PDB file of N, CA and C in Angstrom:
ATOM      1  N   UNK A   1      98.950 -16.355 -32.916  1.00  0.00           N
ATOM      2  CA  UNK A   1      98.603 -16.453 -34.320  1.00  0.00           C
ATOM      3  C   UNK A   1      97.120 -16.774 -34.500  1.00  0.00           C
ATOM      4  N   UNK A   2      96.608 -17.716 -33.720  1.00  0.00           N
ATOM      5  CA  UNK A   2      95.190 -18.067 -33.816  1.00  0.00           C
ATOM      6  C   UNK A   2      94.302 -16.885 -33.464  1.00  0.00           C
ATOM      7  N   UNK A   3      94.760 -16.058 -32.540  1.00  0.00           N
ATOM      8  CA  UNK A   3      93.976 -14.894 -32.142  1.00  0.00           C
ATOM      9  C   UNK A   3      93.775 -13.951 -33.318  1.00  0.00           C
ATOM     10  N   UNK A   4      94.797 -13.741 -34.140  1.00  0.00           N
ATOM     11  CA  UNK A   4      94.695 -12.852 -35.290  1.00  0.00           C
ATOM     12  C   UNK A   4      93.716 -13.414 -36.327  1.00  0.00           C
ATOM     13  N   UNK A   5      93.748 -14.703 -36.540  1.00  0.00           N
ATOM     14  CA  UNK A   5      92.844 -15.338 -37.505  1.00  0.00           C
ATOM     15  C   UNK A   5      91.403 -15.227 -37.003  1.00  0.00           C
ATOM     16  N   UNK A   6      91.191 -15.474 -35.717  1.00  0.00           N
ATOM     17  CA  UNK A   6      89.848 -15.388 -35.131  1.00  0.00           C
ATOM     18  C   UNK A   6      89.350 -13.943 -35.186  1.00  0.00           C
ATOM     19  N   UNK A   7      90.213 -12.999 -34.848  1.00  0.00           N
ATOM     20  CA  UNK A   7      89.828 -11.594 -34.865  1.00  0.00           C
ATOM     21  C   UNK A   7      89.497 -11.143 -36.284  1.00  0.00           C
ATOM     22  N   UNK A   8      90.281 -11.562 -37.263  1.00  0.00           N
ATOM     23  CA  UNK A   8      90.024 -11.205 -38.655  1.00  0.00           C
ATOM     24  C   UNK A   8      88.706 -11.811 -39.132  1.00  0.00           C
ATOM     25  N   UNK A   9      88.449 -13.062 -38.761  1.00  0.00           N
ATOM     26  CA  UNK A   9      87.193 -13.717 -39.132  1.00  0.00           C
ATOM     27  C   UNK A   9      86.001 -12.995 -38.510  1.00  0.00           C
ATOM     28  N   UNK A  10      86.156 -12.614 -37.249  1.00  0.00           N
ATOM     29  CA  UNK A  10      85.086 -11.901 -36.549  1.00  0.00           C
ATOM     30  C   UNK A  10      84.820 -10.543 -37.204  1.00  0.00           C
ATOM     31  N   UNK A  11      85.880  -9.839 -37.577  1.00  0.00           N
ATOM     32  CA  UNK A  11      85.735  -8.530 -38.222  1.00  0.00           C
ATOM     33  C   UNK A  11      85.040  -8.663 -39.577  1.00  0.00           C
ATOM     34  N   UNK A  12      85.392  -9.683 -40.340  1.00  0.00           N
ATOM     35  CA  UNK A  12      84.734  -9.913 -41.629  1.00  0.00           C
ATOM     36  C   UNK A  12      83.257 -10.255 -41.449  1.00  0.00           C
ATOM     37  N   UNK A  13      82.947 -11.034 -40.431  1.00  0.00           N
ATOM     38  CA  UNK A  13      81.554 -11.383 -40.156  1.00  0.00           C
ATOM     39  C   UNK A  13      80.746 -10.145 -39.790  1.00  0.00           C
ATOM     40  N   UNK A  14      81.334  -9.246 -39.005  1.00  0.00           N
ATOM     41  CA  UNK A  14      80.645  -8.007 -38.643  1.00  0.00           C
ATOM     42  C   UNK A  14      80.388  -7.138 -39.864  1.00  0.00           C
ATOM     43  N   UNK A  15      81.376  -7.027 -40.747  1.00  0.00           N
ATOM     44  CA  UNK A  15      81.204  -6.237 -41.960  1.00  0.00           C
ATOM     45  C   UNK A  15      80.115  -6.819 -42.859  1.00  0.00           C
ATOM     46  N   UNK A  16      80.099  -8.140 -42.993  1.00  0.00           N
ATOM     47  CA  UNK A  16      79.096  -8.779 -43.840  1.00  0.00           C
ATOM     48  C   UNK A  16      77.695  -8.595 -43.269  1.00  0.00           C
ATOM     49  N   UNK A  17      77.554  -8.738 -41.957  1.00  0.00           N
ATOM     50  CA  UNK A  17      76.227  -8.568 -41.364  1.00  0.00           C
ATOM     51  C   UNK A  17      75.771  -7.111 -41.451  1.00  0.00           C
ATOM     52  N   UNK A  18      76.705  -6.174 -41.372  1.00  0.00           N
ATOM     53  CA  UNK A  18      76.357  -4.761 -41.530  1.00  0.00           C
ATOM     54  C   UNK A  18      75.864  -4.467 -42.937  1.00  0.00           C
ATOM     55  N   UNK A  19      76.499  -5.061 -43.941  1.00  0.00           N
ATOM     56  CA  UNK A  19      76.068  -4.868 -45.332  1.00  0.00           C
ATOM     57  C   UNK A  19      74.692  -5.477 -45.552  1.00  0.00           C
ATOM     58  N   UNK A  20      74.441  -6.642 -44.952  1.00  0.00           N
ATOM     59  CA  UNK A  20      73.127  -7.270 -45.084  1.00  0.00           C
ATOM     60  C   UNK A  20      72.052  -6.416 -44.421  1.00  0.00           C
ATOM     61  N   UNK A  21      72.362  -5.837 -43.285  1.00  0.00           N
ATOM     62  CA  UNK A  21      71.399  -4.991 -42.585  1.00  0.00           C
ATOM     63  C   UNK A  21      71.068  -3.759 -43.425  1.00  0.00           C
ATOM     64  N   UNK A  22      72.078  -3.166 -44.063  1.00  0.00           N
ATOM     65  CA  UNK A  22      71.833  -2.009 -44.914  1.00  0.00           C
ATOM     66  C   UNK A  22      70.970  -2.385 -46.109  1.00  0.00           C
ATOM     67  N   UNK A  23      71.210  -3.564 -46.682  1.00  0.00           N
ATOM     68  CA  UNK A  23      70.401  -4.034 -47.805  1.00  0.00           C
ATOM     69  C   UNK A  23      68.958  -4.248 -47.368  1.00  0.00           C
ATOM     70  N   UNK A  24      68.756  -4.826 -46.198  1.00  0.00           N
ATOM     71  CA  UNK A  24      67.416  -5.049 -45.676  1.00  0.00           C
ATOM     72  C   UNK A  24      66.697  -3.724 -45.442  1.00  0.00           C
ATOM     73  N   UNK A  25      67.399  -2.753 -44.885  1.00  0.00           N
ATOM     74  CA  UNK A  25      66.806  -1.441 -44.639  1.00  0.00           C
ATOM     75  C   UNK A  25      66.429  -0.785 -45.968  1.00  0.00           C
ATOM     76  N   UNK A  26      67.307  -0.847 -46.954  1.00  0.00           N
ATOM     77  CA  UNK A  26      67.018  -0.238 -48.258  1.00  0.00           C
ATOM     78  C   UNK A  26      65.820  -0.907 -48.913  1.00  0.00           C
ATOM     79  N   UNK A  27      65.768  -2.231 -48.853  1.00  0.00           N
ATOM     80  CA  UNK A  27      64.632  -2.957 -49.421  1.00  0.00           C
ATOM     81  C   UNK A  27      63.349  -2.602 -48.701  1.00  0.00           C
ATOM     82  N   UNK A  28      63.398  -2.524 -47.384  1.00  0.00           N
ATOM     83  CA  UNK A  28      62.213  -2.158 -46.606  1.00  0.00           C
ATOM     84  C   UNK A  28      61.733  -0.763 -46.973  1.00  0.00           C
ATOM     85  N   UNK A  29      62.665   0.179 -47.141  1.00  0.00           N
ATOM     86  CA  UNK A  29      62.291   1.542 -47.526  1.00  0.00           C
ATOM     87  C   UNK A  29      61.601   1.570 -48.889  1.00  0.00           C
ATOM     88  N   UNK A  30      62.090   0.783 -49.829  1.00  0.00           N
ATOM     89  CA  UNK A  30      61.488   0.730 -51.164  1.00  0.00           C
ATOM     90  C   UNK A  30      60.060   0.207 -51.069  1.00  0.00           C
ATOM     91  N   UNK A  31      59.861  -0.872 -50.305  1.00  0.00           N
ATOM     92  CA  UNK A  31      58.528  -1.467 -50.165  1.00  0.00           C
ATOM     93  C   UNK A  31      57.574  -0.497 -49.480  1.00  0.00           C
ATOM     94  N   UNK A  32      58.030   0.140 -48.409  1.00  0.00           N
ATOM     95  CA  UNK A  32      57.169   1.075 -47.670  1.00  0.00           C
ATOM     96  C   UNK A  32      56.796   2.269 -48.545  1.00  0.00           C
ATOM     97  N   UNK A  33      57.752   2.817 -49.293  1.00  0.00           N
ATOM     98  CA  UNK A  33      57.458   3.952 -50.171  1.00  0.00           C
ATOM     99  C   UNK A  33      56.473   3.571 -51.273  1.00  0.00           C
ATOM    100  N   UNK A  34      56.626   2.377 -51.844  1.00  0.00           N
ATOM    101  CA  UNK A  34      55.695   1.927 -52.884  1.00  0.00           C
ATOM    102  C   UNK A  34      54.297   1.749 -52.312  1.00  0.00           C
ATOM    103  N   UNK A  35      54.201   1.176 -51.122  1.00  0.00           N
ATOM    104  CA  UNK A  35      52.902   0.992 -50.482  1.00  0.00           C
ATOM    105  C   UNK A  35      52.269   2.335 -50.164  1.00  0.00           C
ATOM    106  N   UNK A  36      53.064   3.280 -49.703  1.00  0.00           N
ATOM    107  CA  UNK A  36      52.542   4.610 -49.386  1.00  0.00           C
ATOM    108  C   UNK A  36      51.991   5.291 -50.636  1.00  0.00           C
ATOM    109  N   UNK A  37      52.727   5.190 -51.752  1.00  0.00           N
ATOM    110  CA  UNK A  37      52.239   5.784 -53.005  1.00  0.00           C
ATOM    111  C   UNK A  37      50.941   5.121 -53.439  1.00  0.00           C
ATOM    112  N   UNK A  38      50.854   3.815 -53.275  1.00  0.00           N
ATOM    113  CA  UNK A  38      49.646   3.091 -53.661  1.00  0.00           C
ATOM    114  C   UNK A  38      48.457   3.513 -52.819  1.00  0.00           C
ATOM    115  N   UNK A  39      48.653   3.636 -51.519  1.00  0.00           N
ATOM    116  CA  UNK A  39      47.567   4.043 -50.624  1.00  0.00           C
ATOM    117  C   UNK A  39      47.145   5.475 -50.932  1.00  0.00           C
ATOM    118  N   UNK A  40      48.103   6.362 -51.125  1.00  0.00           N
ATOM    119  CA  UNK A  40      47.769   7.750 -51.452  1.00  0.00           C
ATOM    120  C   UNK A  40      47.003   7.837 -52.763  1.00  0.00           C
ATOM    121  N   UNK A  41      47.424   7.083 -53.755  1.00  0.00           N
ATOM    122  CA  UNK A  41      46.728   7.069 -55.033  1.00  0.00           C
ATOM    123  C   UNK A  41      45.298   6.580 -54.846  1.00  0.00           C
ATOM    124  N   UNK A  42      45.138   5.476 -54.137  1.00  0.00           N
ATOM    125  CA  UNK A  42      43.809   4.893 -53.949  1.00  0.00           C
ATOM    126  C   UNK A  42      42.879   5.843 -53.229  1.00  0.00           C
ATOM    127  N   UNK A  43      43.336   6.463 -52.149  1.00  0.00           N
ATOM    128  CA  UNK A  43      42.454   7.358 -51.405  1.00  0.00           C
ATOM    129  C   UNK A  43      42.140   8.622 -52.209  1.00  0.00           C
ATOM    130  N   UNK A  44      43.105   9.121 -52.972  1.00  0.00           N
ATOM    131  CA  UNK A  44      42.870  10.315 -53.787  1.00  0.00           C
ATOM    132  C   UNK A  44      41.844  10.027 -54.882  1.00  0.00           C
ATOM    133  N   UNK A  45      42.037   8.927 -55.586  1.00  0.00           N
ATOM    134  CA  UNK A  45      41.131   8.579 -56.679  1.00  0.00           C
ATOM    135  C   UNK A  45      39.746   8.246 -56.134  1.00  0.00           C
ATOM    136  N   UNK A  46      39.681   7.503 -55.048  1.00  0.00           N
ATOM    137  CA  UNK A  46      38.387   7.114 -54.483  1.00  0.00           C
ATOM    138  C   UNK A  46      37.569   8.327 -54.107  1.00  0.00           C
ATOM    139  N   UNK A  47      38.200   9.346 -53.564  1.00  0.00           N
ATOM    140  CA  UNK A  47      37.460  10.530 -53.140  1.00  0.00           C
ATOM    141  C   UNK A  47      36.989  11.365 -54.329  1.00  0.00           C
ATOM    142  N   UNK A  48      37.612  11.220 -55.499  1.00  0.00           N
ATOM    143  CA  UNK A  48      37.277  12.058 -56.643  1.00  0.00           C
ATOM    144  C   UNK A  48      36.415  11.369 -57.693  1.00  0.00           C
ATOM    145  N   UNK A  49      36.247  10.040 -57.631  1.00  0.00           N
ATOM    146  CA  UNK A  49      35.495   9.364 -58.683  1.00  0.00           C
ATOM    147  C   UNK A  49      34.020   9.194 -58.371  1.00  0.00           C
ATOM    148  N   UNK A  50      33.619   9.539 -57.167  1.00  0.00           N
ATOM    149  CA  UNK A  50      32.236   9.282 -56.788  1.00  0.00           C
ATOM    150  C   UNK A  50      31.236  10.021 -57.675  1.00  0.00           C
ATOM    151  N   UNK A  51      31.632  11.103 -58.325  1.00  0.00           N
ATOM    152  CA  UNK A  51      30.708  11.841 -59.187  1.00  0.00           C
ATOM    153  C   UNK A  51      30.813  11.438 -60.658  1.00  0.00           C
ATOM    154  N   UNK A  52      31.654  10.465 -60.990  1.00  0.00           N
ATOM    155  CA  UNK A  52      31.778   9.994 -62.375  1.00  0.00           C
ATOM    156  C   UNK A  52      30.729   8.920 -62.636  1.00  0.00           C
ATOM    157  N   UNK A  53      29.763   9.248 -63.472  1.00  0.00           N
ATOM    158  CA  UNK A  53      28.646   8.350 -63.742  1.00  0.00           C
ATOM    159  C   UNK A  53      29.113   7.022 -64.347  1.00  0.00           C
ATOM    160  N   UNK A  54      30.019   7.091 -65.314  1.00  0.00           N
ATOM    161  CA  UNK A  54      30.481   5.885 -65.996  1.00  0.00           C
ATOM    162  C   UNK A  54      31.173   4.928 -65.016  1.00  0.00           C
ATOM    163  N   UNK A  55      31.825   5.474 -64.022  1.00  0.00           N
ATOM    164  CA  UNK A  55      32.499   4.643 -63.029  1.00  0.00           C
ATOM    165  C   UNK A  55      31.474   3.975 -62.110  1.00  0.00           C
ATOM    166  N   UNK A  56      30.477   4.730 -61.700  1.00  0.00           N
ATOM    167  CA  UNK A  56      29.424   4.159 -60.852  1.00  0.00           C
ATOM    168  C   UNK A  56      28.671   3.045 -61.545  1.00  0.00           C
ATOM    169  N   UNK A  57      28.440   3.203 -62.845  1.00  0.00           N
ATOM    170  CA  UNK A  57      27.728   2.179 -63.612  1.00  0.00           C
ATOM    171  C   UNK A  57      28.545   0.901 -63.788  1.00  0.00           C
ATOM    172  N   UNK A  58      29.844   0.970 -63.600  1.00  0.00           N
ATOM    173  CA  UNK A  58      30.715  -0.193 -63.794  1.00  0.00           C
ATOM    174  C   UNK A  58      30.952  -0.983 -62.513  1.00  0.00           C
ATOM    175  N   UNK A  59      30.303  -0.591 -61.431  1.00  0.00           N
ATOM    176  CA  UNK A  59      30.582  -1.211 -60.134  1.00  0.00           C
ATOM    177  C   UNK A  59      30.321  -2.721 -60.136  1.00  0.00           C
ATOM    178  N   UNK A  60      29.194  -3.149 -60.683  1.00  0.00           N
ATOM    179  CA  UNK A  60      28.890  -4.590 -60.714  1.00  0.00           C
ATOM    180  C   UNK A  60      29.906  -5.352 -61.560  1.00  0.00           C
ATOM    181  N   UNK A  61      30.284  -4.778 -62.694  1.00  0.00           N
ATOM    182  CA  UNK A  61      31.270  -5.437 -63.543  1.00  0.00           C
ATOM    183  C   UNK A  61      32.644  -5.453 -62.878  1.00  0.00           C
ATOM    184  N   UNK A  62      32.953  -4.410 -62.118  1.00  0.00           N
ATOM    185  CA  UNK A  62      34.223  -4.384 -61.381  1.00  0.00           C
ATOM    186  C   UNK A  62      34.247  -5.495 -60.335  1.00  0.00           C
ATOM    187  N   UNK A  63      33.115  -5.728 -59.697  1.00  0.00           N
ATOM    188  CA  UNK A  63      33.037  -6.809 -58.699  1.00  0.00           C
ATOM    189  C   UNK A  63      33.281  -8.163 -59.353  1.00  0.00           C
ATOM    190  N   UNK A  64      32.688  -8.377 -60.506  1.00  0.00           N
ATOM    191  CA  UNK A  64      32.910  -9.630 -61.223  1.00  0.00           C
ATOM    192  C   UNK A  64      34.349  -9.779 -61.682  1.00  0.00           C
ATOM    193  N   UNK A  65      34.931  -8.678 -62.101  1.00  0.00           N
ATOM    194  CA  UNK A  65      36.317  -8.684 -62.557  1.00  0.00           C
ATOM    195  C   UNK A  65      37.261  -9.049 -61.416  1.00  0.00           C
ATOM    196  N   UNK A  66      37.055  -8.426 -60.260  1.00  0.00           N
ATOM    197  CA  UNK A  66      37.902  -8.712 -59.094  1.00  0.00           C
ATOM    198  C   UNK A  66      37.689 -10.145 -58.619  1.00  0.00           C
ATOM    199  N   UNK A  67      36.427 -10.570 -58.548  1.00  0.00           N
ATOM    200  CA  UNK A  67      36.121 -11.921 -58.066  1.00  0.00           C
ATOM    201  C   UNK A  67      36.695 -13.005 -58.976  1.00  0.00           C
ATOM    202  N   UNK A  68      36.788 -12.717 -60.267  1.00  0.00           N
ATOM    203  CA  UNK A  68      37.307 -13.711 -61.217  1.00  0.00           C
ATOM    204  C   UNK A  68      38.803 -13.533 -61.479  1.00  0.00           C
ATOM    205  N   UNK A  69      39.457 -12.698 -60.697  1.00  0.00           N
ATOM    206  CA  UNK A  69      40.894 -12.405 -60.872  1.00  0.00           C
ATOM    207  C   UNK A  69      41.212 -11.916 -62.280  1.00  0.00           C
ATOM    208  N   UNK A  70      40.316 -11.098 -62.824  1.00  0.00           N
ATOM    209  CA  UNK A  70      40.567 -10.485 -64.114  1.00  0.00           C
ATOM    210  C   UNK A  70      40.057 -11.248 -65.314  1.00  0.00           C
ATOM    211  N   UNK A  71      39.368 -12.353 -65.100  1.00  0.00           N
ATOM    212  CA  UNK A  71      38.878 -13.156 -66.217  1.00  0.00           C
ATOM    213  C   UNK A  71      37.621 -12.569 -66.851  1.00  0.00           C
ATOM    214  N   UNK A  72      36.732 -12.008 -66.054  1.00  0.00           N
ATOM    215  CA  UNK A  72      35.460 -11.478 -66.559  1.00  0.00           C
ATOM    216  C   UNK A  72      35.595  -9.969 -66.758  1.00  0.00           C
ATOM    217  N   UNK A  73      35.433  -9.538 -68.003  1.00  0.00           N
ATOM    218  CA  UNK A  73      35.538  -8.112 -68.335  1.00  0.00           C
ATOM    219  C   UNK A  73      34.268  -7.700 -69.062  1.00  0.00           C
ATOM    220  N   UNK A  74      33.769  -6.536 -68.735  1.00  0.00           N
ATOM    221  CA  UNK A  74      32.576  -6.033 -69.394  1.00  0.00           C
ATOM    222  C   UNK A  74      32.835  -4.687 -70.041  1.00  0.00           C
ATOM    223  N   UNK A  75      31.924  -4.285 -70.917  1.00  0.00           N
ATOM    224  CA  UNK A  75      32.071  -3.024 -71.642  1.00  0.00           C
ATOM    225  C   UNK A  75      32.030  -1.822 -70.697  1.00  0.00           C
ATOM    226  N   UNK A  76      31.167  -1.870 -69.700  1.00  0.00           N
ATOM    227  CA  UNK A  76      31.094  -0.747 -68.754  1.00  0.00           C
ATOM    228  C   UNK A  76      32.385  -0.622 -67.953  1.00  0.00           C
ATOM    229  N   UNK A  77      32.940  -1.757 -67.570  1.00  0.00           N
ATOM    230  CA  UNK A  77      34.210  -1.724 -66.833  1.00  0.00           C
ATOM    231  C   UNK A  77      35.312  -1.149 -67.718  1.00  0.00           C
ATOM    232  N   UNK A  78      35.374  -1.577 -68.970  1.00  0.00           N
ATOM    233  CA  UNK A  78      36.392  -1.063 -69.888  1.00  0.00           C
ATOM    234  C   UNK A  78      36.262   0.450 -70.050  1.00  0.00           C
ATOM    235  N   UNK A  79      35.030   0.930 -70.164  1.00  0.00           N
ATOM    236  CA  UNK A  79      34.804   2.372 -70.301  1.00  0.00           C
ATOM    237  C   UNK A  79      35.252   3.105 -69.039  1.00  0.00           C
ATOM    238  N   UNK A  80      34.959   2.531 -67.884  1.00  0.00           N
ATOM    239  CA  UNK A  80      35.348   3.167 -66.619  1.00  0.00           C
ATOM    240  C   UNK A  80      36.867   3.186 -66.458  1.00  0.00           C
ATOM    241  N   UNK A  81      37.530   2.097 -66.826  1.00  0.00           N
ATOM    242  CA  UNK A  81      38.993   2.056 -66.725  1.00  0.00           C
ATOM    243  C   UNK A  81      39.611   3.125 -67.632  1.00  0.00           C
ATOM    244  N   UNK A  82      39.076   3.255 -68.825  1.00  0.00           N
ATOM    245  CA  UNK A  82      39.565   4.291 -69.742  1.00  0.00           C
ATOM    246  C   UNK A  82      39.334   5.688 -69.191  1.00  0.00           C
ATOM    247  N   UNK A  83      38.170   5.912 -68.608  1.00  0.00           N
ATOM    248  CA  UNK A  83      37.842   7.227 -68.039  1.00  0.00           C
ATOM    249  C   UNK A  83      38.774   7.561 -66.883  1.00  0.00           C
ATOM    250  N   UNK A  84      39.034   6.565 -66.019  1.00  0.00           N
ATOM    251  CA  UNK A  84      39.947   6.800 -64.888  1.00  0.00           C
ATOM    252  C   UNK A  84      41.348   7.129 -65.371  1.00  0.00           C
ATOM    253  N   UNK A  85      41.798   6.414 -66.384  1.00  0.00           N
ATOM    254  CA  UNK A  85      43.148   6.665 -66.901  1.00  0.00           C
ATOM    255  C   UNK A  85      43.244   8.018 -67.590  1.00  0.00           C
ATOM    256  N   UNK A  86      42.144   8.456 -68.205  1.00  0.00           N
ATOM    257  CA  UNK A  86      42.131   9.792 -68.824  1.00  0.00           C
ATOM    258  C   UNK A  86      42.114  10.892 -67.764  1.00  0.00           C
ATOM    259  N   UNK A  87      41.360  10.668 -66.683  1.00  0.00           N
ATOM    260  CA  UNK A  87      41.169  11.702 -65.668  1.00  0.00           C
ATOM    261  C   UNK A  87      42.328  11.807 -64.688  1.00  0.00           C
ATOM    262  N   UNK A  88      43.019  10.702 -64.450  1.00  0.00           N
ATOM    263  CA  UNK A  88      44.078  10.673 -63.434  1.00  0.00           C
ATOM    264  C   UNK A  88      45.368  10.127 -64.046  1.00  0.00           C
ATOM    265  N   UNK A  89      46.358  10.963 -64.234  1.00  0.00           N
ATOM    266  CA  UNK A  89      47.623  10.498 -64.825  1.00  0.00           C
ATOM    267  C   UNK A  89      48.249   9.336 -64.049  1.00  0.00           C
ATOM    268  N   UNK A  90      48.110   9.339 -62.727  1.00  0.00           N
ATOM    269  CA  UNK A  90      48.703   8.254 -61.940  1.00  0.00           C
ATOM    270  C   UNK A  90      48.001   6.923 -62.167  1.00  0.00           C
ATOM    271  N   UNK A  91      46.784   6.946 -62.688  1.00  0.00           N
ATOM    272  CA  UNK A  91      46.050   5.709 -62.970  1.00  0.00           C
ATOM    273  C   UNK A  91      46.610   4.985 -64.184  1.00  0.00           C
ATOM    274  N   UNK A  92      47.365   5.683 -65.011  1.00  0.00           N
ATOM    275  CA  UNK A  92      47.944   5.052 -66.190  1.00  0.00           C
ATOM    276  C   UNK A  92      48.939   3.965 -65.808  1.00  0.00           C
ATOM    277  N   UNK A  93      49.542   4.071 -64.639  1.00  0.00           N
ATOM    278  CA  UNK A  93      50.511   3.079 -64.186  1.00  0.00           C
ATOM    279  C   UNK A  93      49.862   1.946 -63.387  1.00  0.00           C
ATOM    280  N   UNK A  94      48.612   2.110 -63.000  1.00  0.00           N
ATOM    281  CA  UNK A  94      47.929   1.110 -62.172  1.00  0.00           C
ATOM    282  C   UNK A  94      47.399  -0.024 -63.045  1.00  0.00           C
ATOM    283  N   UNK A  95      47.346  -1.200 -62.467  1.00  0.00           N
ATOM    284  CA  UNK A  95      46.791  -2.349 -63.180  1.00  0.00           C
ATOM    285  C   UNK A  95      45.275  -2.235 -63.254  1.00  0.00           C
ATOM    286  N   UNK A  96      44.685  -2.975 -64.173  1.00  0.00           N
ATOM    287  CA  UNK A  96      43.229  -2.994 -64.279  1.00  0.00           C
ATOM    288  C   UNK A  96      42.594  -3.497 -62.982  1.00  0.00           C
ATOM    289  N   UNK A  97      43.227  -4.490 -62.368  1.00  0.00           N
ATOM    290  CA  UNK A  97      42.706  -5.045 -61.121  1.00  0.00           C
ATOM    291  C   UNK A  97      42.720  -4.001 -60.009  1.00  0.00           C
ATOM    292  N   UNK A  98      43.788  -3.225 -59.916  1.00  0.00           N
ATOM    293  CA  UNK A  98      43.874  -2.173 -58.891  1.00  0.00           C
ATOM    294  C   UNK A  98      42.791  -1.123 -59.120  1.00  0.00           C
ATOM    295  N   UNK A  99      42.566  -0.755 -60.362  1.00  0.00           N
ATOM    296  CA  UNK A  99      41.533   0.243 -60.664  1.00  0.00           C
ATOM    297  C   UNK A  99      40.131  -0.311 -60.386  1.00  0.00           C
ATOM    298  N   UNK A 100      39.921  -1.584 -60.675  1.00  0.00           N
ATOM    299  CA  UNK A 100      38.623  -2.200 -60.371  1.00  0.00           C
ATOM    300  C   UNK A 100      38.377  -2.189 -58.866  1.00  0.00           C
ATOM    301  N   UNK A 101      39.420  -2.404 -58.084  1.00  0.00           N
ATOM    302  CA  UNK A 101      39.284  -2.361 -56.626  1.00  0.00           C
ATOM    303  C   UNK A 101      38.968  -0.933 -56.164  1.00  0.00           C
ATOM    304  N   UNK A 102      39.520   0.054 -56.831  1.00  0.00           N
ATOM    305  CA  UNK A 102      39.218   1.453 -56.518  1.00  0.00           C
ATOM    306  C   UNK A 102      37.746   1.727 -56.810  1.00  0.00           C
ATOM    307  N   UNK A 103      37.259   1.226 -57.927  1.00  0.00           N
ATOM    308  CA  UNK A 103      35.841   1.407 -58.267  1.00  0.00           C
ATOM    309  C   UNK A 103      34.964   0.803 -57.178  1.00  0.00           C
ATOM    310  N   UNK A 104      35.329  -0.367 -56.701  1.00  0.00           N
ATOM    311  CA  UNK A 104      34.543  -1.017 -55.641  1.00  0.00           C
ATOM    312  C   UNK A 104      34.627  -0.264 -54.323  1.00  0.00           C
ATOM    313  N   UNK A 105      35.719   0.420 -54.085  1.00  0.00           N
ATOM    314  CA  UNK A 105      35.906   1.127 -52.817  1.00  0.00           C
ATOM    315  C   UNK A 105      35.111   2.420 -52.747  1.00  0.00           C
ATOM    316  N   UNK A 106      34.627   2.934 -53.857  1.00  0.00           N
ATOM    317  CA  UNK A 106      33.922   4.213 -53.845  1.00  0.00           C
ATOM    318  C   UNK A 106      32.547   4.125 -53.261  1.00  0.00           C
TER     319      UNK A 106
END
């Protein structure tokens, strides 16, 4: 009788650990896919914004914005963020901080 209880407990433990492993794998896949989209967006935008004058002029303000964690905003930075969002549909979903980092990366 004890053997059946132990075997049933062991089987339930295996099923639970298998479900947890699947959840971990699914969560990891979501994180990796989001990171991949972010990296692809950043490299695509960085390679295409170097000829945008308004973006180049906002570089110093972008540095201040990033350094202050979004507290310091300037008119040139605002214009550049608007230009990026107009030029790149994927930039509409990015935060201002992410776009400021893209400006600095160019």
